[in-house]
PDB file of N, CA and C in Angstrom:
ATOM      1  N   MET A   1       0.845  -1.187   0.000  1.00  0.00           N
ATOM      2  CA  MET A   1       0.000   0.000   0.000  1.00  0.00           C
ATOM      3  C   MET A   1       0.885   1.244   0.000  1.00  0.00           C
ATOM      4  N   THR A   2       0.565   2.148  -0.882  1.00  0.00           N
ATOM      5  CA  THR A   2       1.310   3.393  -0.910  1.00  0.00           C
ATOM      6  C   THR A   2       0.672   4.388   0.053  1.00  0.00           C
ATOM      7  N   LEU A   3       1.374   5.473   0.302  1.00  0.00           N
ATOM      8  CA  LEU A   3       0.858   6.492   1.211  1.00  0.00           C
ATOM      9  C   LEU A   3      -0.438   7.099   0.679  1.00  0.00           C
ATOM     10  N   GLY A   4      -0.516   7.289  -0.628  1.00  0.00           N
ATOM     11  CA  GLY A   4      -1.728   7.834  -1.229  1.00  0.00           C
ATOM     12  C   GLY A   4      -2.937   6.933  -1.017  1.00  0.00           C
ATOM     13  N   VAL A   5      -2.733   5.630  -1.142  1.00  0.00           N
ATOM     14  CA  VAL A   5      -3.833   4.677  -0.926  1.00  0.00           C
ATOM     15  C   VAL A   5      -4.267   4.709   0.532  1.00  0.00           C
ATOM     16  N   ILE A   6      -3.332   4.790   1.444  1.00  0.00           N
ATOM     17  CA  ILE A   6      -3.666   4.832   2.872  1.00  0.00           C
ATOM     18  C   ILE A   6      -4.445   6.103   3.198  1.00  0.00           C
ATOM     19  N   ILE A   7      -3.999   7.244   2.674  1.00  0.00           N
ATOM     20  CA  ILE A   7      -4.704   8.504   2.927  1.00  0.00           C
ATOM     21  C   ILE A   7      -6.107   8.464   2.337  1.00  0.00           C
ATOM     22  N   TRP A   8      -6.239   7.952   1.111  1.00  0.00           N
ATOM     23  CA  TRP A   8      -7.563   7.849   0.478  1.00  0.00           C
ATOM     24  C   TRP A   8      -8.479   6.939   1.296  1.00  0.00           C
ATOM     25  N   THR A   9      -7.949   5.841   1.789  1.00  0.00           N
ATOM     26  CA  THR A   9      -8.745   4.919   2.605  1.00  0.00           C
ATOM     27  C   THR A   9      -9.185   5.590   3.903  1.00  0.00           C
ATOM     28  N   LEU A  10      -8.329   6.391   4.509  1.00  0.00           N
ATOM     29  CA  LEU A  10      -8.706   7.122   5.726  1.00  0.00           C
ATOM     30  C   LEU A  10      -9.827   8.120   5.451  1.00  0.00           C
ATOM     31  N   ILE A  11      -9.735   8.845   4.339  1.00  0.00           N
ATOM     32  CA  ILE A  11     -10.767   9.823   3.995  1.00  0.00           C
ATOM     33  C   ILE A  11     -12.103   9.126   3.755  1.00  0.00           C
ATOM     34  N   ILE A  12     -12.074   8.050   2.986  1.00  0.00           N
ATOM     35  CA  ILE A  12     -13.307   7.291   2.748  1.00  0.00           C
ATOM     36  C   ILE A  12     -13.847   6.749   4.065  1.00  0.00           C
ATOM     37  N   GLY A  13     -12.959   6.284   4.921  1.00  0.00           N
ATOM     38  CA  GLY A  13     -13.384   5.727   6.205  1.00  0.00           C
ATOM     39  C   GLY A  13     -14.101   6.725   7.090  1.00  0.00           C
ATOM     40  N   LEU A  14     -13.656   7.983   7.080  1.00  0.00           N
ATOM     41  CA  LEU A  14     -14.340   9.009   7.869  1.00  0.00           C
ATOM     42  C   LEU A  14     -15.779   9.184   7.407  1.00  0.00           C
ATOM     43  N   ILE A  15     -15.971   9.217   6.117  1.00  0.00           N
ATOM     44  CA  ILE A  15     -17.305   9.387   5.548  1.00  0.00           C
ATOM     45  C   ILE A  15     -18.143   8.127   5.768  1.00  0.00           C
ATOM     46  N   VAL A  16     -17.508   6.985   5.571  1.00  0.00           N
ATOM     47  CA  VAL A  16     -18.200   5.701   5.706  1.00  0.00           C
ATOM     48  C   VAL A  16     -18.687   5.477   7.131  1.00  0.00           C
ATOM     49  N   GLY A  17     -17.933   5.936   8.117  1.00  0.00           N
ATOM     50  CA  GLY A  17     -18.378   5.801   9.506  1.00  0.00           C
ATOM     51  C   GLY A  17     -19.714   6.484   9.736  1.00  0.00           C
ATOM     52  N   GLY A  18     -19.876   7.672   9.176  1.00  0.00           N
ATOM     53  CA  GLY A  18     -21.150   8.380   9.297  1.00  0.00           C
ATOM     54  C   GLY A  18     -22.271   7.676   8.554  1.00  0.00           C
ATOM     55  N   ILE A  19     -21.973   7.176   7.361  1.00  0.00           N
ATOM     56  CA  ILE A  19     -22.985   6.466   6.578  1.00  0.00           C
ATOM     57  C   ILE A  19     -23.415   5.182   7.293  1.00  0.00           C
ATOM     58  N   ALA A  20     -22.448   4.443   7.846  1.00  0.00           N
ATOM     59  CA  ALA A  20     -22.774   3.206   8.565  1.00  0.00           C
ATOM     60  C   ALA A  20     -23.659   3.507   9.770  1.00  0.00           C
ATOM     61  N   LYS A  21     -23.393   4.615  10.456  1.00  0.00           N
ATOM     62  CA  LYS A  21     -24.212   5.003  11.607  1.00  0.00           C
ATOM     63  C   LYS A  21     -25.637   5.327  11.167  1.00  0.00           C
ATOM     64  N   LEU A  22     -25.775   6.003  10.010  1.00  0.00           N
ATOM     65  CA  LEU A  22     -27.112   6.313   9.506  1.00  0.00           C
ATOM     66  C   LEU A  22     -27.872   5.058   9.095  1.00  0.00           C
ATOM     67  N   LEU A  23     -27.165   4.071   8.548  1.00  0.00           N
ATOM     68  CA  LEU A  23     -27.810   2.835   8.099  1.00  0.00           C
ATOM     69  C   LEU A  23     -28.103   1.876   9.244  1.00  0.00           C
ATOM     70  N   MET A  24     -27.407   2.051  10.367  1.00  0.00           N
ATOM     71  CA  MET A  24     -27.609   1.189  11.533  1.00  0.00           C
ATOM     72  C   MET A  24     -27.980   2.051  12.738  1.00  0.00           C
ATOM     73  N   PRO A  25     -29.197   2.567  12.774  1.00  0.00           N
ATOM     74  CA  PRO A  25     -29.571   3.432  13.892  1.00  0.00           C
ATOM     75  C   PRO A  25     -29.600   2.658  15.207  1.00  0.00           C
ATOM     76  N   GLY A  26     -29.508   3.393  16.259  1.00  0.00           N
ATOM     77  CA  GLY A  26     -29.522   2.789  17.585  1.00  0.00           C
ATOM     78  C   GLY A  26     -28.409   3.374  18.420  1.00  0.00           C
ATOM     79  N   ARG A  27     -28.371   2.975  19.650  1.00  0.00           N
ATOM     80  CA  ARG A  27     -27.358   3.492  20.569  1.00  0.00           C
ATOM     81  C   ARG A  27     -26.052   2.749  20.375  1.00  0.00           C
ATOM     82  N   ASP A  28     -25.000   3.523  20.232  1.00  0.00           N
ATOM     83  CA  ASP A  28     -23.663   2.951  20.174  1.00  0.00           C
ATOM     84  C   ASP A  28     -22.987   3.185  21.508  1.00  0.00           C
ATOM     85  N   PRO A  29     -22.383   2.169  22.081  1.00  0.00           N
ATOM     86  CA  PRO A  29     -21.736   2.328  23.372  1.00  0.00           C
ATOM     87  C   PRO A  29     -20.606   3.353  23.370  1.00  0.00           C
ATOM     88  N   GLY A  30     -19.975   3.607  22.224  1.00  0.00           N
ATOM     89  CA  GLY A  30     -18.811   4.479  22.207  1.00  0.00           C
ATOM     90  C   GLY A  30     -19.043   5.860  21.642  1.00  0.00           C
ATOM     91  N   GLY A  31     -20.184   6.143  21.073  1.00  0.00           N
ATOM     92  CA  GLY A  31     -20.438   7.460  20.520  1.00  0.00           C
ATOM     93  C   GLY A  31     -19.897   7.627  19.112  1.00  0.00           C
ATOM     94  N   CYS A  32     -19.860   8.880  18.653  1.00  0.00           N
ATOM     95  CA  CYS A  32     -19.516   9.139  17.256  1.00  0.00           C
ATOM     96  C   CYS A  32     -18.032   8.927  16.966  1.00  0.00           C
ATOM     97  N   ILE A  33     -17.155   9.145  17.912  1.00  0.00           N
ATOM     98  CA  ILE A  33     -15.720   8.933  17.668  1.00  0.00           C
ATOM     99  C   ILE A  33     -15.443   7.468  17.364  1.00  0.00           C
ATOM    100  N   ILE A  34     -16.022   6.575  18.139  1.00  0.00           N
ATOM    101  CA  ILE A  34     -15.850   5.140  17.890  1.00  0.00           C
ATOM    102  C   ILE A  34     -16.437   4.770  16.542  1.00  0.00           C
ATOM    103  N   THR A  35     -17.592   5.360  16.192  1.00  0.00           N
ATOM    104  CA  THR A  35     -18.220   5.074  14.907  1.00  0.00           C
ATOM    105  C   THR A  35     -17.312   5.496  13.757  1.00  0.00           C
ATOM    106  N   ILE A  36     -16.682   6.661  13.871  1.00  0.00           N
ATOM    107  CA  ILE A  36     -15.749   7.127  12.835  1.00  0.00           C
ATOM    108  C   ILE A  36     -14.547   6.192  12.748  1.00  0.00           C
ATOM    109  N   LEU A  37     -14.011   5.798  13.884  1.00  0.00           N
ATOM    110  CA  LEU A  37     -12.867   4.867  13.875  1.00  0.00           C
ATOM    111  C   LEU A  37     -13.250   3.522  13.261  1.00  0.00           C
ATOM    112  N   LEU A  38     -14.468   3.066  13.544  1.00  0.00           N
ATOM    113  CA  LEU A  38     -14.939   1.826  12.931  1.00  0.00           C
ATOM    114  C   LEU A  38     -15.142   2.001  11.432  1.00  0.00           C
ATOM    115  N   GLY A  39     -15.526   3.203  11.015  1.00  0.00           N
ATOM    116  CA  GLY A  39     -15.646   3.496   9.590  1.00  0.00           C
ATOM    117  C   GLY A  39     -14.300   3.424   8.888  1.00  0.00           C
ATOM    118  N   ILE A  40     -13.279   3.978   9.529  1.00  0.00           N
ATOM    119  CA  ILE A  40     -11.921   3.904   8.969  1.00  0.00           C
ATOM    120  C   ILE A  40     -11.473   2.451   8.888  1.00  0.00           C
ATOM    121  N   ALA A  41     -11.694   1.700   9.968  1.00  0.00           N
ATOM    122  CA  ALA A  41     -11.330   0.278   9.955  1.00  0.00           C
ATOM    123  C   ALA A  41     -12.144  -0.471   8.908  1.00  0.00           C
ATOM    124  N   GLY A  42     -13.413  -0.104   8.740  1.00  0.00           N
ATOM    125  CA  GLY A  42     -14.264  -0.727   7.726  1.00  0.00           C
ATOM    126  C   GLY A  42     -13.752  -0.479   6.317  1.00  0.00           C
ATOM    127  N   ALA A  43     -13.195   0.708   6.074  1.00  0.00           N
ATOM    128  CA  ALA A  43     -12.624   1.003   4.766  1.00  0.00           C
ATOM    129  C   ALA A  43     -11.406   0.120   4.502  1.00  0.00           C
ATOM    130  N   PHE A  44     -10.604  -0.104   5.536  1.00  0.00           N
ATOM    131  CA  PHE A  44      -9.459  -1.005   5.370  1.00  0.00           C
ATOM    132  C   PHE A  44      -9.922  -2.448   5.171  1.00  0.00           C
ATOM    133  N   VAL A  45     -10.966  -2.849   5.892  1.00  0.00           N
ATOM    134  CA  VAL A  45     -11.523  -4.192   5.698  1.00  0.00           C
ATOM    135  C   VAL A  45     -12.092  -4.323   4.288  1.00  0.00           C
ATOM    136  N   GLY A  46     -12.795  -3.285   3.826  1.00  0.00           N
ATOM    137  CA  GLY A  46     -13.340  -3.295   2.472  1.00  0.00           C
ATOM    138  C   GLY A  46     -12.252  -3.394   1.414  1.00  0.00           C
ATOM    139  N   THR A  47     -11.154  -2.673   1.627  1.00  0.00           N
ATOM    140  CA  THR A  47     -10.018  -2.762   0.702  1.00  0.00           C
ATOM    141  C   THR A  47      -9.436  -4.165   0.702  1.00  0.00           C
ATOM    142  N   TRP A  48      -9.309  -4.753   1.877  1.00  0.00           N
ATOM    143  CA  TRP A  48      -8.746  -6.097   1.990  1.00  0.00           C
ATOM    144  C   TRP A  48      -9.632  -7.112   1.270  1.00  0.00           C
ATOM    145  N   ILE A  49     -10.952  -7.013   1.494  1.00  0.00           N
ATOM    146  CA  ILE A  49     -11.879  -7.929   0.822  1.00  0.00           C
ATOM    147  C   ILE A  49     -11.831  -7.725  -0.688  1.00  0.00           C
ATOM    148  N   GLY A  50     -11.817  -6.468  -1.113  1.00  0.00           N
ATOM    149  CA  GLY A  50     -11.738  -6.167  -2.540  1.00  0.00           C
ATOM    150  C   GLY A  50     -10.484  -6.711  -3.191  1.00  0.00           C
ATOM    151  N   ARG A  51      -9.377  -6.652  -2.483  1.00  0.00           N
ATOM    152  CA  ARG A  51      -8.130  -7.187  -3.030  1.00  0.00           C
ATOM    153  C   ARG A  51      -8.153  -8.706  -3.099  1.00  0.00           C
ATOM    154  N   LEU A  52      -8.865  -9.338  -2.189  1.00  0.00           N
ATOM    155  CA  LEU A  52      -9.010 -10.793  -2.271  1.00  0.00           C
ATOM    156  C   LEU A  52      -9.834 -11.190  -3.492  1.00  0.00           C
ATOM    157  N   ILE A  53     -10.850 -10.378  -3.813  1.00  0.00           N
ATOM    158  CA  ILE A  53     -11.757 -10.709  -4.909  1.00  0.00           C
ATOM    159  C   ILE A  53     -11.235 -10.210  -6.252  1.00  0.00           C
ATOM    160  N   TRP A  54     -10.840  -8.917  -6.324  1.00  0.00           N
ATOM    161  CA  TRP A  54     -10.508  -8.298  -7.610  1.00  0.00           C
ATOM    162  C   TRP A  54      -9.030  -8.085  -7.850  1.00  0.00           C
ATOM    163  N   GLY A  55      -8.171  -8.429  -6.929  1.00  0.00           N
ATOM    164  CA  GLY A  55      -6.739  -8.329  -7.166  1.00  0.00           C
ATOM    165  C   GLY A  55      -6.073  -7.204  -6.393  1.00  0.00           C
ATOM    166  N   PRO A  56      -4.754  -7.133  -6.503  1.00  0.00           N
ATOM    167  CA  PRO A  56      -3.968  -6.224  -5.669  1.00  0.00           C
ATOM    168  C   PRO A  56      -4.152  -4.737  -5.977  1.00  0.00           C
ATOM    169  N   GLY A  57      -4.721  -4.369  -7.097  1.00  0.00           N
ATOM    170  CA  GLY A  57      -4.870  -2.960  -7.431  1.00  0.00           C
ATOM    171  C   GLY A  57      -6.120  -2.309  -6.868  1.00  0.00           C
ATOM    172  N   TYR A  58      -6.940  -3.063  -6.140  1.00  0.00           N
ATOM    173  CA  TYR A  58      -8.209  -2.534  -5.635  1.00  0.00           C
ATOM    174  C   TYR A  58      -7.962  -1.571  -4.478  1.00  0.00           C
ATOM    175  N   THR A  59      -8.622  -0.413  -4.530  1.00  0.00           N
ATOM    176  CA  THR A  59      -8.570   0.577  -3.459  1.00  0.00           C
ATOM    177  C   THR A  59      -9.954   0.657  -2.828  1.00  0.00           C
ATOM    178  N   ALA A  60     -10.026   1.168  -1.621  1.00  0.00           N
ATOM    179  CA  ALA A  60     -11.283   1.230  -0.868  1.00  0.00           C
ATOM    180  C   ALA A  60     -12.429   1.752  -1.724  1.00  0.00           C
ATOM    181  N   GLY A  61     -13.412   0.907  -1.941  1.00  0.00           N
ATOM    182  CA  GLY A  61     -14.620   1.295  -2.655  1.00  0.00           C
ATOM    183  C   GLY A  61     -15.714   1.605  -1.657  1.00  0.00           C
ATOM    184  N   TRP A  62     -16.668   2.396  -2.081  1.00  0.00           N
ATOM    185  CA  TRP A  62     -17.711   2.846  -1.171  1.00  0.00           C
ATOM    186  C   TRP A  62     -18.550   1.699  -0.628  1.00  0.00           C
ATOM    187  N   ILE A  63     -18.996   0.827  -1.494  1.00  0.00           N
ATOM    188  CA  ILE A  63     -19.919  -0.232  -1.068  1.00  0.00           C
ATOM    189  C   ILE A  63     -19.245  -1.181  -0.082  1.00  0.00           C
ATOM    190  N   LEU A  64     -18.075  -1.693  -0.455  1.00  0.00           N
ATOM    191  CA  LEU A  64     -17.384  -2.623   0.451  1.00  0.00           C
ATOM    192  C   LEU A  64     -16.939  -1.936   1.734  1.00  0.00           C
ATOM    193  N   SER A  65     -16.594  -0.661   1.664  1.00  0.00           N
ATOM    194  CA  SER A  65     -16.213   0.055   2.878  1.00  0.00           C
ATOM    195  C   SER A  65     -17.396   0.198   3.822  1.00  0.00           C
ATOM    196  N   ILE A  66     -18.560   0.515   3.265  1.00  0.00           N
ATOM    197  CA  ILE A  66     -19.761   0.638   4.100  1.00  0.00           C
ATOM    198  C   ILE A  66     -20.123  -0.714   4.702  1.00  0.00           C
ATOM    199  N   ILE A  67     -20.059  -1.759   3.911  1.00  0.00           N
ATOM    200  CA  ILE A  67     -20.352  -3.101   4.432  1.00  0.00           C
ATOM    201  C   ILE A  67     -19.358  -3.477   5.533  1.00  0.00           C
ATOM    202  N   GLY A  68     -18.077  -3.211   5.295  1.00  0.00           N
ATOM    203  CA  GLY A  68     -17.054  -3.500   6.315  1.00  0.00           C
ATOM    204  C   GLY A  68     -17.310  -2.734   7.599  1.00  0.00           C
ATOM    205  N   ALA A  69     -17.670  -1.441   7.480  1.00  0.00           N
ATOM    206  CA  ALA A  69     -17.939  -0.630   8.663  1.00  0.00           C
ATOM    207  C   ALA A  69     -19.178  -1.119   9.407  1.00  0.00           C
ATOM    208  N   MET A  70     -20.207  -1.515   8.659  1.00  0.00           N
ATOM    209  CA  MET A  70     -21.424  -2.013   9.307  1.00  0.00           C
ATOM    210  C   MET A  70     -21.158  -3.324  10.040  1.00  0.00           C
ATOM    211  N   VAL A  71     -20.364  -4.185   9.452  1.00  0.00           N
ATOM    212  CA  VAL A  71     -20.017  -5.450  10.111  1.00  0.00           C
ATOM    213  C   VAL A  71     -19.235  -5.171  11.393  1.00  0.00           C
ATOM    214  N   LEU A  72     -18.248  -4.271  11.319  1.00  0.00           N
ATOM    215  CA  LEU A  72     -17.462  -3.947  12.510  1.00  0.00           C
ATOM    216  C   LEU A  72     -18.314  -3.261  13.570  1.00  0.00           C
ATOM    217  N   LEU A  73     -19.245  -2.396  13.151  1.00  0.00           N
ATOM    218  CA  LEU A  73     -20.133  -1.739  14.103  1.00  0.00           C
ATOM    219  C   LEU A  73     -21.041  -2.756  14.797  1.00  0.00           C
ATOM    220  N   LEU A  74     -21.545  -3.726  14.048  1.00  0.00           N
ATOM    221  CA  LEU A  74     -22.376  -4.777  14.638  1.00  0.00           C
ATOM    222  C   LEU A  74     -21.578  -5.608  15.643  1.00  0.00           C
ATOM    223  N   ILE A  75     -20.359  -5.985  15.262  1.00  0.00           N
ATOM    224  CA  ILE A  75     -19.503  -6.753  16.177  1.00  0.00           C
ATOM    225  C   ILE A  75     -19.205  -5.944  17.436  1.00  0.00           C
ATOM    226  N   TYR A  76     -18.915  -4.657  17.253  1.00  0.00           N
ATOM    227  CA  TYR A  76     -18.632  -3.788  18.403  1.00  0.00           C
ATOM    228  C   TYR A  76     -19.836  -3.689  19.331  1.00  0.00           C
ATOM    229  N   ARG A  77     -21.025  -3.544  18.751  1.00  0.00           N
ATOM    230  CA  ARG A  77     -22.227  -3.467  19.573  1.00  0.00           C
ATOM    231  C   ARG A  77     -22.451  -4.749  20.364  1.00  0.00           C
ATOM    232  N   LEU A  78     -22.191  -5.882  19.722  1.00  0.00           N
ATOM    233  CA  LEU A  78     -22.377  -7.176  20.411  1.00  0.00           C
ATOM    234  C   LEU A  78     -21.379  -7.318  21.554  1.00  0.00           C
ATOM    235  N   ILE A  79     -20.130  -6.948  21.322  1.00  0.00           N
ATOM    236  CA  ILE A  79     -19.100  -7.090  22.361  1.00  0.00           C
ATOM    237  C   ILE A  79     -19.312  -6.075  23.479  1.00  0.00           C
ATOM    238  N   ALA A  80     -19.512  -4.811  23.116  1.00  0.00           N
ATOM    239  CA  ALA A  80     -19.673  -3.762  24.135  1.00  0.00           C
ATOM    240  C   ALA A  80     -20.990  -3.915  24.892  1.00  0.00           C
ATOM    241  N   GLY A  81     -22.005  -4.458  24.245  1.00  0.00           N
ATOM    242  CA  GLY A  81     -23.285  -4.661  24.912  1.00  0.00           C
ATOM    243  C   GLY A  81     -23.224  -5.724  25.987  1.00  0.00           C
ATOM    244  N   LYS A  82     -22.377  -6.720  25.795  1.00  0.00           N
ATOM    245  CA  LYS A  82     -22.233  -7.792  26.791  1.00  0.00           C
ATOM    246  C   LYS A  82     -21.475  -7.313  28.016  1.00  0.00           C
ATOM    247  N   ARG A  83     -20.564  -6.352  27.836  1.00  0.00           N
ATOM    248  CA  ARG A  83     -19.777  -5.855  28.951  1.00  0.00           C
ATOM    249  C   ARG A  83     -20.557  -4.888  29.827  1.00  0.00           C
ATOM    250  N   GLY A  84     -21.505  -4.156  29.220  1.00  0.00           N
ATOM    251  CA  GLY A  84     -22.192  -3.088  29.951  1.00  0.00           C
ATOM    252  C   GLY A  84     -23.401  -3.493  30.662  1.00  0.00           C
TER     253      GLY A  84
END
C-alpha cells in the first residue's frame, strides 16, 4: 500500500463511519468517535476484501467500505453490549 492509498482509505473511512451510523440506527456504546474509527477500519476491511476478490490494485470502494464498517459496528455493539 502506498501512502496515497492509505490517505484515500482514511478519507473514505471518515465518511463511511457516518454512513454506517445512519444505516444502523440505535445506541452505540462508544459514541460518534468510535463510529468514525470503525468506519476507517471498515474502509481497510473493504479494501482487503476487494483485493481478495478483484486483485492487488483494488482501493477502498464505497460499497465494500460501508459493508465492512457495518459489520465492525455490529460486532462492536455485540461485544460492548455484553460488557455493559
